[in-house]
Amino acid sequence: MIRVLVVDDHAVVRRGVVQIVTEAEGVQCVGEAGSSREALQLARACEYDVVVLDIHLPDGSGLDVLKQLRAFKPQTPVVMLSMYPEEQYALRALRAGAMGYLTKDSAPIELVTALRQAARGEHYVTPALAETLTAHLDDVAAAAPLETLSDREEQVLRLLAAGHTVSHIAEELTLSVKTVSTYRARLLKKLGLTSTAELIRYAVEHDLID
């Protein structure tokens, strides 16, 4: 029996994933979490064969959770399940140690297949992503500037796009105003933009505003 921990902050979505897992032969959901904190607590307290993890959580990035899980439970495979399209986060998630990446509009059978392969220590990627990884792995970052951003840079981008000032972001992230300004400058350079207004437009066009 494959024991699964499901992590998603949206209760309705989480319930749907749990139902898919529960109805699959040989797979069982034995834990649910709606935040990064809950996910890490459960992962430390119990044993799971696979973790299904959302990218965006209310108290942090799913990618940060993935990295922490890899640090203290490196043998536990993680399958990312996100609303964001593959071209935005899949490569970054796989580089961070995920065993698979699926969007939330994937067919239930794809999720079950991904869980089974991950439990066997095998990666799961969709045919489209596999083609990208095989043919264009070295060119992905250049073709998709968003992939070049660090997790912190993306976090600052999201906050800027949500209308927060540099001072407010510095306070929220417990950083200096100078440091946040440096992140903003890096974002402009990496994305080829010239102003905060263009950063906001970029975020809107790439569905980065929650």
N, C-alpha and C. Protein backbone atom coordinates (compact mmCIF):
# COMPACT_ATOMS: atom_id res chain seq x y z
N MET A 1 0.84 -1.19 0.00
CA MET A 1 0.00 0.00 0.00
C MET A 1 0.88 1.25 0.00
N ILE A 2 0.65 2.13 -0.96
CA ILE A 2 1.41 3.37 -1.05
C ILE A 2 0.74 4.43 -0.18
N ARG A 3 1.46 4.87 0.85
CA ARG A 3 0.91 5.86 1.79
C ARG A 3 1.23 7.26 1.29
N VAL A 4 0.19 8.10 1.17
CA VAL A 4 0.34 9.41 0.54
C VAL A 4 -0.03 10.54 1.50
N LEU A 5 0.78 11.59 1.48
CA LEU A 5 0.46 12.84 2.18
C LEU A 5 0.08 13.86 1.12
N VAL A 6 -1.11 14.47 1.25
CA VAL A 6 -1.60 15.45 0.29
C VAL A 6 -1.52 16.84 0.90
N VAL A 7 -0.81 17.74 0.21
CA VAL A 7 -0.62 19.10 0.72
C VAL A 7 -1.17 20.11 -0.29
N ASP A 8 -2.25 20.80 0.09
CA ASP A 8 -2.86 21.82 -0.76
C ASP A 8 -3.69 22.73 0.13
N ASP A 9 -3.57 24.04 -0.07
CA ASP A 9 -4.27 24.96 0.83
C ASP A 9 -5.74 25.12 0.50
N HIS A 10 -6.17 24.69 -0.68
CA HIS A 10 -7.59 24.79 -1.03
C HIS A 10 -8.30 23.49 -0.63
N ALA A 11 -9.21 23.61 0.31
CA ALA A 11 -9.87 22.42 0.87
C ALA A 11 -10.60 21.60 -0.18
N VAL A 12 -11.26 22.28 -1.11
CA VAL A 12 -12.03 21.56 -2.14
C VAL A 12 -11.09 20.78 -3.05
N VAL A 13 -10.01 21.43 -3.48
CA VAL A 13 -9.02 20.75 -4.32
C VAL A 13 -8.39 19.59 -3.58
N ARG A 14 -8.03 19.84 -2.33
CA ARG A 14 -7.40 18.78 -1.52
C ARG A 14 -8.33 17.58 -1.37
N ARG A 15 -9.61 17.86 -1.15
CA ARG A 15 -10.58 16.77 -1.00
C ARG A 15 -10.68 15.97 -2.29
N GLY A 16 -10.62 16.66 -3.43
CA GLY A 16 -10.67 15.95 -4.71
C GLY A 16 -9.46 15.06 -4.92
N VAL A 17 -8.28 15.56 -4.55
CA VAL A 17 -7.06 14.75 -4.68
C VAL A 17 -7.12 13.55 -3.74
N VAL A 18 -7.59 13.78 -2.53
CA VAL A 18 -7.72 12.68 -1.57
C VAL A 18 -8.65 11.61 -2.11
N GLN A 19 -9.75 12.03 -2.72
CA GLN A 19 -10.70 11.06 -3.27
C GLN A 19 -10.07 10.24 -4.40
N ILE A 20 -9.32 10.91 -5.28
CA ILE A 20 -8.64 10.20 -6.36
C ILE A 20 -7.68 9.17 -5.79
N VAL A 21 -6.92 9.59 -4.79
CA VAL A 21 -5.94 8.69 -4.17
C VAL A 21 -6.64 7.52 -3.50
N THR A 22 -7.70 7.82 -2.77
CA THR A 22 -8.41 6.79 -2.01
C THR A 22 -9.05 5.74 -2.92
N GLU A 23 -9.52 6.18 -4.09
CA GLU A 23 -10.21 5.26 -5.00
C GLU A 23 -9.24 4.41 -5.82
N ALA A 24 -7.96 4.77 -5.81
CA ALA A 24 -6.97 4.02 -6.59
C ALA A 24 -6.55 2.75 -5.85
N GLU A 25 -6.41 1.68 -6.57
CA GLU A 25 -6.00 0.41 -5.97
C GLU A 25 -4.56 0.49 -5.49
N GLY A 26 -4.35 0.08 -4.27
CA GLY A 26 -2.99 0.02 -3.73
C GLY A 26 -2.44 1.35 -3.28
N VAL A 27 -3.29 2.39 -3.21
CA VAL A 27 -2.85 3.72 -2.78
C VAL A 27 -3.78 4.21 -1.68
N GLN A 28 -3.22 4.85 -0.68
CA GLN A 28 -4.03 5.29 0.45
C GLN A 28 -3.55 6.66 0.93
N CYS A 29 -4.49 7.59 1.13
CA CYS A 29 -4.16 8.88 1.71
C CYS A 29 -4.16 8.75 3.23
N VAL A 30 -3.04 8.99 3.84
CA VAL A 30 -2.94 8.85 5.30
C VAL A 30 -2.61 10.17 5.98
N GLY A 31 -2.64 11.27 5.22
CA GLY A 31 -2.35 12.57 5.82
C GLY A 31 -2.75 13.70 4.90
N GLU A 32 -3.22 14.81 5.49
CA GLU A 32 -3.59 16.00 4.72
C GLU A 32 -3.03 17.23 5.42
N ALA A 33 -2.59 18.20 4.62
CA ALA A 33 -2.09 19.45 5.17
C ALA A 33 -2.50 20.60 4.27
N GLY A 34 -2.74 21.77 4.87
CA GLY A 34 -3.15 22.93 4.10
C GLY A 34 -2.15 24.06 4.13
N SER A 35 -0.97 23.80 4.72
CA SER A 35 0.05 24.84 4.80
C SER A 35 1.44 24.21 4.84
N SER A 36 2.45 25.04 4.64
CA SER A 36 3.83 24.55 4.72
C SER A 36 4.13 24.01 6.11
N ARG A 37 3.70 24.74 7.11
CA ARG A 37 3.97 24.34 8.50
C ARG A 37 3.35 22.98 8.82
N GLU A 38 2.10 22.80 8.44
CA GLU A 38 1.43 21.52 8.70
C GLU A 38 2.11 20.39 7.93
N ALA A 39 2.49 20.68 6.70
CA ALA A 39 3.12 19.65 5.86
C ALA A 39 4.42 19.16 6.49
N LEU A 40 5.25 20.08 6.96
CA LEU A 40 6.54 19.71 7.53
C LEU A 40 6.35 19.00 8.87
N GLN A 41 5.36 19.42 9.64
CA GLN A 41 5.08 18.75 10.92
C GLN A 41 4.66 17.30 10.69
N LEU A 42 3.75 17.09 9.74
CA LEU A 42 3.29 15.74 9.45
C LEU A 42 4.41 14.88 8.87
N ALA A 43 5.21 15.48 8.01
CA ALA A 43 6.31 14.73 7.38
C ALA A 43 7.32 14.28 8.41
N ARG A 44 7.52 15.08 9.44
CA ARG A 44 8.47 14.70 10.51
C ARG A 44 7.87 13.66 11.44
N ALA A 45 6.54 13.75 11.65
CA ALA A 45 5.90 12.89 12.63
C ALA A 45 5.55 11.51 12.09
N CYS A 46 5.30 11.40 10.79
CA CYS A 46 4.83 10.14 10.22
C CYS A 46 5.65 9.75 8.99
N GLU A 47 5.47 8.52 8.57
CA GLU A 47 6.16 8.02 7.39
C GLU A 47 5.20 7.97 6.21
N TYR A 48 5.65 8.50 5.09
CA TYR A 48 4.85 8.49 3.87
C TYR A 48 5.70 7.93 2.73
N ASP A 49 5.04 7.31 1.79
CA ASP A 49 5.74 6.78 0.63
C ASP A 49 5.86 7.82 -0.47
N VAL A 50 4.88 8.73 -0.55
CA VAL A 50 4.90 9.81 -1.54
C VAL A 50 4.19 11.03 -0.94
N VAL A 51 4.70 12.22 -1.27
CA VAL A 51 4.04 13.46 -0.88
C VAL A 51 3.55 14.17 -2.14
N VAL A 52 2.25 14.52 -2.15
CA VAL A 52 1.69 15.34 -3.24
C VAL A 52 1.69 16.78 -2.73
N LEU A 53 2.40 17.66 -3.43
CA LEU A 53 2.66 18.99 -2.89
C LEU A 53 2.30 20.10 -3.88
N ASP A 54 1.52 21.07 -3.40
CA ASP A 54 1.16 22.21 -4.22
C ASP A 54 2.32 23.21 -4.26
N ILE A 55 2.42 23.97 -5.34
CA ILE A 55 3.47 24.98 -5.46
C ILE A 55 3.23 26.17 -4.54
N HIS A 56 1.98 26.65 -4.52
CA HIS A 56 1.67 27.87 -3.77
C HIS A 56 0.91 27.51 -2.49
N LEU A 57 1.49 27.89 -1.35
CA LEU A 57 0.86 27.66 -0.05
C LEU A 57 0.77 28.98 0.70
N PRO A 58 -0.17 29.12 1.63
CA PRO A 58 -0.41 30.42 2.26
C PRO A 58 0.76 30.94 3.10
N ASP A 59 1.59 30.04 3.60
CA ASP A 59 2.70 30.48 4.46
C ASP A 59 4.06 30.18 3.84
N GLY A 60 4.12 30.08 2.54
CA GLY A 60 5.41 29.86 1.89
C GLY A 60 5.27 29.12 0.58
N SER A 61 6.39 28.96 -0.08
CA SER A 61 6.41 28.29 -1.37
C SER A 61 6.51 26.78 -1.22
N GLY A 62 5.78 26.06 -2.06
CA GLY A 62 5.89 24.61 -2.06
C GLY A 62 7.29 24.17 -2.43
N LEU A 63 7.99 24.97 -3.21
CA LEU A 63 9.37 24.64 -3.57
C LEU A 63 10.27 24.69 -2.34
N ASP A 64 9.99 25.63 -1.42
CA ASP A 64 10.76 25.68 -0.17
C ASP A 64 10.48 24.43 0.67
N VAL A 65 9.22 24.02 0.71
CA VAL A 65 8.86 22.80 1.44
C VAL A 65 9.56 21.60 0.82
N LEU A 66 9.58 21.56 -0.50
CA LEU A 66 10.25 20.47 -1.20
C LEU A 66 11.71 20.39 -0.79
N LYS A 67 12.40 21.52 -0.75
CA LYS A 67 13.81 21.54 -0.38
C LYS A 67 14.02 21.08 1.06
N GLN A 68 13.12 21.49 1.95
CA GLN A 68 13.24 21.06 3.35
C GLN A 68 12.97 19.56 3.50
N LEU A 69 11.98 19.07 2.76
CA LEU A 69 11.72 17.64 2.79
C LEU A 69 12.92 16.85 2.28
N ARG A 70 13.53 17.35 1.23
CA ARG A 70 14.72 16.68 0.67
C ARG A 70 15.86 16.68 1.67
N ALA A 71 15.87 17.69 2.56
CA ALA A 71 16.96 17.80 3.53
C ALA A 71 16.84 16.78 4.66
N PHE A 72 15.60 16.61 5.19
CA PHE A 72 15.49 15.70 6.34
C PHE A 72 14.84 14.36 6.01
N LYS A 73 14.24 14.24 4.84
CA LYS A 73 13.71 12.95 4.40
C LYS A 73 13.99 12.77 2.90
N PRO A 74 15.27 12.65 2.56
CA PRO A 74 15.65 12.60 1.14
C PRO A 74 15.10 11.41 0.39
N GLN A 75 14.71 10.35 1.10
CA GLN A 75 14.21 9.15 0.43
C GLN A 75 12.71 9.22 0.12
N THR A 76 12.02 10.25 0.63
CA THR A 76 10.58 10.37 0.40
C THR A 76 10.33 11.14 -0.90
N PRO A 77 9.78 10.50 -1.92
CA PRO A 77 9.55 11.18 -3.20
C PRO A 77 8.41 12.19 -3.11
N VAL A 78 8.54 13.25 -3.89
CA VAL A 78 7.54 14.32 -3.91
C VAL A 78 7.05 14.54 -5.34
N VAL A 79 5.74 14.59 -5.50
CA VAL A 79 5.12 14.90 -6.78
C VAL A 79 4.45 16.26 -6.64
N MET A 80 4.86 17.22 -7.46
CA MET A 80 4.27 18.55 -7.40
C MET A 80 2.96 18.56 -8.20
N LEU A 81 1.93 19.15 -7.62
CA LEU A 81 0.63 19.28 -8.28
C LEU A 81 0.24 20.74 -8.21
N SER A 82 0.18 21.42 -9.34
CA SER A 82 0.04 22.87 -9.33
C SER A 82 -0.96 23.38 -10.36
N MET A 83 -1.48 24.57 -10.10
CA MET A 83 -2.35 25.24 -11.07
C MET A 83 -1.52 25.90 -12.17
N TYR A 84 -0.22 26.05 -11.93
CA TYR A 84 0.64 26.75 -12.88
C TYR A 84 1.10 25.81 -13.98
N PRO A 85 1.16 26.28 -15.22
CA PRO A 85 1.56 25.42 -16.34
C PRO A 85 3.00 24.95 -16.21
N GLU A 86 3.29 23.87 -16.90
CA GLU A 86 4.60 23.23 -16.79
C GLU A 86 5.75 24.16 -17.12
N GLU A 87 5.56 25.02 -18.13
CA GLU A 87 6.67 25.85 -18.56
C GLU A 87 7.11 26.85 -17.51
N GLN A 88 6.26 27.11 -16.50
CA GLN A 88 6.62 28.06 -15.46
C GLN A 88 7.45 27.43 -14.35
N TYR A 89 7.08 26.23 -13.89
CA TYR A 89 7.71 25.69 -12.69
C TYR A 89 8.24 24.27 -12.78
N ALA A 90 7.87 23.53 -13.80
CA ALA A 90 8.23 22.11 -13.82
C ALA A 90 9.73 21.88 -13.75
N LEU A 91 10.48 22.60 -14.57
CA LEU A 91 11.92 22.39 -14.59
C LEU A 91 12.54 22.74 -13.25
N ARG A 92 12.08 23.85 -12.66
CA ARG A 92 12.61 24.26 -11.35
C ARG A 92 12.29 23.21 -10.29
N ALA A 93 11.07 22.67 -10.33
CA ALA A 93 10.68 21.66 -9.35
C ALA A 93 11.51 20.39 -9.49
N LEU A 94 11.74 19.96 -10.73
CA LEU A 94 12.54 18.76 -10.95
C LEU A 94 13.98 18.97 -10.52
N ARG A 95 14.50 20.15 -10.79
CA ARG A 95 15.87 20.46 -10.36
C ARG A 95 15.98 20.46 -8.84
N ALA A 96 14.89 20.86 -8.17
CA ALA A 96 14.89 20.91 -6.70
C ALA A 96 14.70 19.54 -6.07
N GLY A 97 14.41 18.53 -6.90
CA GLY A 97 14.31 17.18 -6.37
C GLY A 97 12.97 16.51 -6.48
N ALA A 98 11.99 17.17 -7.12
CA ALA A 98 10.67 16.55 -7.29
C ALA A 98 10.77 15.35 -8.23
N MET A 99 9.93 14.35 -7.99
CA MET A 99 9.91 13.17 -8.85
C MET A 99 8.90 13.30 -9.98
N GLY A 100 8.07 14.34 -9.91
CA GLY A 100 7.09 14.55 -10.96
C GLY A 100 6.44 15.90 -10.83
N TYR A 101 5.81 16.35 -11.92
CA TYR A 101 5.11 17.64 -11.92
C TYR A 101 3.85 17.49 -12.76
N LEU A 102 2.71 17.80 -12.15
CA LEU A 102 1.42 17.73 -12.84
C LEU A 102 0.65 19.01 -12.59
N THR A 103 -0.14 19.41 -13.58
CA THR A 103 -1.03 20.54 -13.37
C THR A 103 -2.37 20.00 -12.85
N LYS A 104 -3.15 20.87 -12.22
CA LYS A 104 -4.39 20.43 -11.58
C LYS A 104 -5.49 20.08 -12.56
N ASP A 105 -5.27 20.37 -13.84
CA ASP A 105 -6.26 19.93 -14.83
C ASP A 105 -5.88 18.59 -15.46
N SER A 106 -4.87 17.93 -14.88
CA SER A 106 -4.47 16.62 -15.39
C SER A 106 -5.55 15.58 -15.08
N ALA A 107 -5.60 14.54 -15.87
CA ALA A 107 -6.55 13.45 -15.63
C ALA A 107 -6.18 12.70 -14.36
N PRO A 108 -7.18 12.23 -13.59
CA PRO A 108 -6.89 11.49 -12.37
C PRO A 108 -5.92 10.33 -12.57
N ILE A 109 -6.02 9.64 -13.70
CA ILE A 109 -5.15 8.49 -13.93
C ILE A 109 -3.69 8.92 -14.01
N GLU A 110 -3.45 10.16 -14.48
CA GLU A 110 -2.08 10.67 -14.53
C GLU A 110 -1.51 10.83 -13.13
N LEU A 111 -2.32 11.34 -12.21
CA LEU A 111 -1.86 11.51 -10.84
C LEU A 111 -1.55 10.16 -10.22
N VAL A 112 -2.43 9.20 -10.40
CA VAL A 112 -2.21 7.87 -9.83
C VAL A 112 -0.95 7.24 -10.42
N THR A 113 -0.77 7.38 -11.72
CA THR A 113 0.43 6.85 -12.36
C THR A 113 1.68 7.50 -11.81
N ALA A 114 1.62 8.83 -11.62
CA ALA A 114 2.76 9.56 -11.08
C ALA A 114 3.10 9.09 -9.67
N LEU A 115 2.08 8.84 -8.86
CA LEU A 115 2.30 8.37 -7.49
C LEU A 115 2.97 7.00 -7.49
N ARG A 116 2.48 6.12 -8.33
CA ARG A 116 3.04 4.77 -8.38
C ARG A 116 4.49 4.78 -8.86
N GLN A 117 4.76 5.61 -9.88
CA GLN A 117 6.13 5.67 -10.38
C GLN A 117 7.06 6.30 -9.36
N ALA A 118 6.59 7.35 -8.70
CA ALA A 118 7.41 8.00 -7.68
C ALA A 118 7.72 7.03 -6.53
N ALA A 119 6.72 6.24 -6.14
CA ALA A 119 6.92 5.27 -5.05
C ALA A 119 7.97 4.23 -5.43
N ARG A 120 8.12 3.98 -6.75
CA ARG A 120 9.14 3.03 -7.23
C ARG A 120 10.48 3.71 -7.46
N GLY A 121 10.54 5.01 -7.18
CA GLY A 121 11.78 5.74 -7.39
C GLY A 121 11.97 6.20 -8.82
N GLU A 122 10.87 6.26 -9.59
CA GLU A 122 10.95 6.68 -10.99
C GLU A 122 10.33 8.06 -11.16
N HIS A 123 10.92 8.86 -12.03
CA HIS A 123 10.37 10.18 -12.32
C HIS A 123 9.14 10.05 -13.22
N TYR A 124 8.21 11.00 -13.06
CA TYR A 124 7.05 11.05 -13.95
C TYR A 124 6.96 12.44 -14.56
N VAL A 125 6.97 12.51 -15.88
CA VAL A 125 6.74 13.77 -16.58
C VAL A 125 5.79 13.49 -17.72
N THR A 126 5.03 14.49 -18.10
CA THR A 126 4.11 14.32 -19.21
C THR A 126 4.91 14.22 -20.51
N PRO A 127 4.31 13.68 -21.56
CA PRO A 127 5.02 13.59 -22.85
C PRO A 127 5.53 14.95 -23.34
N ALA A 128 4.74 15.99 -23.16
CA ALA A 128 5.15 17.32 -23.61
C ALA A 128 6.38 17.80 -22.85
N LEU A 129 6.38 17.58 -21.53
CA LEU A 129 7.52 18.01 -20.73
C LEU A 129 8.74 17.15 -21.02
N ALA A 130 8.52 15.87 -21.22
CA ALA A 130 9.64 14.98 -21.55
C ALA A 130 10.32 15.43 -22.83
N GLU A 131 9.53 15.85 -23.80
CA GLU A 131 10.11 16.32 -25.06
C GLU A 131 10.95 17.58 -24.83
N THR A 132 10.41 18.46 -23.98
CA THR A 132 11.14 19.69 -23.68
C THR A 132 12.45 19.39 -22.97
N LEU A 133 12.39 18.49 -21.99
CA LEU A 133 13.59 18.14 -21.24
C LEU A 133 14.64 17.49 -22.13
N THR A 134 14.19 16.66 -23.05
CA THR A 134 15.12 15.94 -23.91
C THR A 134 15.75 16.83 -24.97
N ALA A 135 14.92 17.66 -25.59
CA ALA A 135 15.39 18.44 -26.73
C ALA A 135 15.93 19.82 -26.38
N HIS A 136 15.43 20.40 -25.29
CA HIS A 136 15.77 21.80 -25.03
C HIS A 136 16.23 22.07 -23.60
N LEU A 137 16.73 21.12 -22.88
CA LEU A 137 17.07 21.31 -21.47
C LEU A 137 18.04 22.47 -21.28
N ASP A 138 19.02 22.58 -22.14
CA ASP A 138 20.02 23.62 -21.99
C ASP A 138 19.50 25.01 -22.36
N ASP A 139 18.35 25.03 -23.09
CA ASP A 139 17.85 26.32 -23.56
C ASP A 139 16.62 26.81 -22.81
N VAL A 140 16.15 26.04 -21.85
CA VAL A 140 14.90 26.39 -21.17
C VAL A 140 15.01 27.73 -20.44
N ALA A 141 16.09 27.91 -19.71
CA ALA A 141 16.23 29.14 -18.93
C ALA A 141 16.25 30.36 -19.83
N ALA A 142 16.95 30.26 -20.97
CA ALA A 142 17.03 31.39 -21.88
C ALA A 142 15.68 31.67 -22.53
N ALA A 143 14.93 30.61 -22.83
CA ALA A 143 13.65 30.77 -23.50
C ALA A 143 12.56 31.24 -22.54
N ALA A 144 12.69 30.91 -21.27
CA ALA A 144 11.69 31.29 -20.28
C ALA A 144 12.38 32.00 -19.11
N PRO A 145 12.49 33.33 -19.15
CA PRO A 145 13.20 34.08 -18.11
C PRO A 145 12.72 33.78 -16.70
N LEU A 146 11.43 33.44 -16.55
CA LEU A 146 10.90 33.15 -15.23
C LEU A 146 11.66 32.02 -14.57
N GLU A 147 12.16 31.07 -15.37
CA GLU A 147 12.90 29.93 -14.83
C GLU A 147 14.23 30.34 -14.21
N THR A 148 14.74 31.52 -14.57
CA THR A 148 16.04 31.95 -14.06
C THR A 148 15.93 32.60 -12.69
N LEU A 149 14.71 32.90 -12.25
CA LEU A 149 14.53 33.57 -10.97
C LEU A 149 14.73 32.62 -9.80
N SER A 150 15.36 33.11 -8.75
CA SER A 150 15.46 32.33 -7.52
C SER A 150 14.09 32.37 -6.84
N ASP A 151 13.90 31.52 -5.84
CA ASP A 151 12.62 31.50 -5.13
C ASP A 151 12.35 32.84 -4.45
N ARG A 152 13.41 33.45 -3.89
CA ARG A 152 13.24 34.74 -3.21
C ARG A 152 12.91 35.84 -4.22
N GLU A 153 13.56 35.81 -5.37
CA GLU A 153 13.27 36.81 -6.40
C GLU A 153 11.82 36.70 -6.86
N GLU A 154 11.35 35.49 -7.03
CA GLU A 154 9.96 35.30 -7.45
C GLU A 154 9.00 35.80 -6.37
N GLN A 155 9.37 35.55 -5.10
CA GLN A 155 8.53 36.01 -3.99
C GLN A 155 8.43 37.54 -3.99
N VAL A 156 9.55 38.21 -4.21
CA VAL A 156 9.54 39.68 -4.27
C VAL A 156 8.73 40.16 -5.47
N LEU A 157 8.85 39.46 -6.60
CA LEU A 157 8.07 39.82 -7.79
C LEU A 157 6.58 39.73 -7.49
N ARG A 158 6.15 38.66 -6.85
CA ARG A 158 4.73 38.50 -6.53
C ARG A 158 4.24 39.63 -5.62
N LEU A 159 5.04 40.00 -4.64
CA LEU A 159 4.64 41.04 -3.71
C LEU A 159 4.60 42.41 -4.39
N LEU A 160 5.58 42.68 -5.25
CA LEU A 160 5.56 43.93 -6.01
C LEU A 160 4.31 43.99 -6.89
N ALA A 161 4.01 42.86 -7.54
CA ALA A 161 2.86 42.80 -8.43
C ALA A 161 1.55 42.97 -7.68
N ALA A 162 1.55 42.60 -6.40
CA ALA A 162 0.34 42.73 -5.58
C ALA A 162 0.18 44.15 -5.04
N GLY A 163 1.13 45.04 -5.39
CA GLY A 163 1.00 46.44 -4.99
C GLY A 163 1.75 46.83 -3.73
N HIS A 164 2.56 45.93 -3.19
CA HIS A 164 3.30 46.25 -1.97
C HIS A 164 4.52 47.12 -2.28
N THR A 165 4.84 48.03 -1.39
CA THR A 165 6.01 48.87 -1.57
C THR A 165 7.27 48.11 -1.15
N VAL A 166 8.41 48.64 -1.54
CA VAL A 166 9.68 48.01 -1.16
C VAL A 166 9.81 47.95 0.36
N SER A 167 9.39 49.01 1.03
CA SER A 167 9.48 49.05 2.50
C SER A 167 8.60 47.97 3.13
N HIS A 168 7.38 47.82 2.60
CA HIS A 168 6.47 46.81 3.15
C HIS A 168 7.00 45.41 2.90
N ILE A 169 7.56 45.18 1.72
CA ILE A 169 8.12 43.86 1.40
C ILE A 169 9.29 43.56 2.33
N ALA A 170 10.12 44.56 2.57
CA ALA A 170 11.26 44.38 3.47
C ALA A 170 10.80 43.96 4.86
N GLU A 171 9.73 44.61 5.33
CA GLU A 171 9.19 44.28 6.65
C GLU A 171 8.59 42.87 6.67
N GLU A 172 7.84 42.52 5.63
CA GLU A 172 7.18 41.21 5.59
C GLU A 172 8.18 40.07 5.49
N LEU A 173 9.26 40.27 4.74
CA LEU A 173 10.25 39.20 4.54
C LEU A 173 11.42 39.29 5.51
N THR A 174 11.34 40.25 6.42
CA THR A 174 12.42 40.47 7.40
C THR A 174 13.76 40.69 6.70
N LEU A 175 13.73 41.60 5.73
CA LEU A 175 14.92 41.97 4.99
C LEU A 175 15.11 43.48 5.07
N SER A 176 16.28 43.96 4.71
CA SER A 176 16.49 45.40 4.66
C SER A 176 15.89 45.96 3.38
N VAL A 177 15.58 47.25 3.39
CA VAL A 177 15.05 47.90 2.20
C VAL A 177 16.07 47.82 1.07
N LYS A 178 17.34 47.94 1.41
CA LYS A 178 18.41 47.85 0.41
C LYS A 178 18.42 46.49 -0.27
N THR A 179 18.23 45.44 0.52
CA THR A 179 18.23 44.08 -0.02
C THR A 179 17.06 43.88 -0.98
N VAL A 180 15.88 44.35 -0.59
CA VAL A 180 14.71 44.22 -1.46
C VAL A 180 14.91 45.02 -2.74
N SER A 181 15.51 46.19 -2.63
CA SER A 181 15.80 47.00 -3.81
C SER A 181 16.76 46.27 -4.75
N THR A 182 17.70 45.54 -4.15
CA THR A 182 18.64 44.75 -4.95
C THR A 182 17.90 43.64 -5.69
N TYR A 183 16.97 42.99 -5.00
CA TYR A 183 16.16 41.95 -5.66
C TYR A 183 15.36 42.55 -6.81
N ARG A 184 14.80 43.74 -6.58
CA ARG A 184 14.02 44.40 -7.63
C ARG A 184 14.91 44.68 -8.84
N ALA A 185 16.12 45.15 -8.60
CA ALA A 185 17.04 45.44 -9.70
C ALA A 185 17.39 44.17 -10.46
N ARG A 186 17.58 43.06 -9.74
CA ARG A 186 17.87 41.79 -10.39
C ARG A 186 16.71 41.33 -11.25
N LEU A 187 15.49 41.52 -10.74
CA LEU A 187 14.30 41.13 -11.50
C LEU A 187 14.23 41.90 -12.81
N LEU A 188 14.46 43.20 -12.74
CA LEU A 188 14.42 44.02 -13.94
C LEU A 188 15.46 43.55 -14.96
N LYS A 189 16.64 43.23 -14.47
CA LYS A 189 17.71 42.80 -15.37
C LYS A 189 17.41 41.44 -15.98
N LYS A 190 17.01 40.48 -15.16
CA LYS A 190 16.76 39.13 -15.64
C LYS A 190 15.59 39.07 -16.62
N LEU A 191 14.57 39.88 -16.35
CA LEU A 191 13.36 39.83 -17.18
C LEU A 191 13.40 40.83 -18.32
N GLY A 192 14.48 41.62 -18.39
CA GLY A 192 14.61 42.58 -19.48
C GLY A 192 13.60 43.71 -19.40
N LEU A 193 13.27 44.14 -18.17
CA LEU A 193 12.28 45.19 -17.97
C LEU A 193 12.95 46.44 -17.41
N THR A 194 12.18 47.54 -17.32
CA THR A 194 12.79 48.81 -16.90
C THR A 194 12.09 49.50 -15.73
N SER A 195 10.94 49.00 -15.29
CA SER A 195 10.21 49.67 -14.22
C SER A 195 9.34 48.70 -13.45
N THR A 196 8.89 49.15 -12.28
CA THR A 196 7.98 48.34 -11.48
C THR A 196 6.68 48.10 -12.22
N ALA A 197 6.23 49.09 -12.97
CA ALA A 197 4.99 48.93 -13.74
C ALA A 197 5.12 47.78 -14.74
N GLU A 198 6.29 47.66 -15.36
CA GLU A 198 6.50 46.56 -16.30
C GLU A 198 6.59 45.22 -15.57
N LEU A 199 7.13 45.24 -14.36
CA LEU A 199 7.17 44.01 -13.55
C LEU A 199 5.75 43.55 -13.24
N ILE A 200 4.88 44.49 -12.89
CA ILE A 200 3.49 44.16 -12.58
C ILE A 200 2.80 43.58 -13.81
N ARG A 201 3.02 44.22 -14.96
CA ARG A 201 2.41 43.73 -16.19
C ARG A 201 2.92 42.32 -16.52
N TYR A 202 4.21 42.10 -16.32
CA TYR A 202 4.80 40.78 -16.57
C TYR A 202 4.15 39.74 -15.66
N ALA A 203 3.97 40.09 -14.38
CA ALA A 203 3.36 39.16 -13.42
C ALA A 203 1.93 38.83 -13.82
N VAL A 204 1.18 39.84 -14.27
CA VAL A 204 -0.20 39.61 -14.70
C VAL A 204 -0.24 38.68 -15.91
N GLU A 205 0.65 38.94 -16.88
CA GLU A 205 0.67 38.14 -18.09
C GLU A 205 1.06 36.68 -17.83
N HIS A 206 1.80 36.45 -16.74
CA HIS A 206 2.25 35.09 -16.43
C HIS A 206 1.51 34.48 -15.25
N ASP A 207 0.36 35.09 -14.91
CA ASP A 207 -0.52 34.53 -13.84
C ASP A 207 0.21 34.37 -12.53
N LEU A 208 0.97 35.38 -12.13
CA LEU A 208 1.72 35.30 -10.89
C LEU A 208 1.05 36.06 -9.75
N ILE A 209 -0.08 36.68 -10.03
CA ILE A 209 -0.80 37.42 -8.98
C ILE A 209 -1.88 36.52 -8.42
N ASP A 210 -1.86 36.30 -7.11
CA ASP A 210 -2.82 35.40 -6.47
C ASP A 210 -4.20 36.04 -6.38
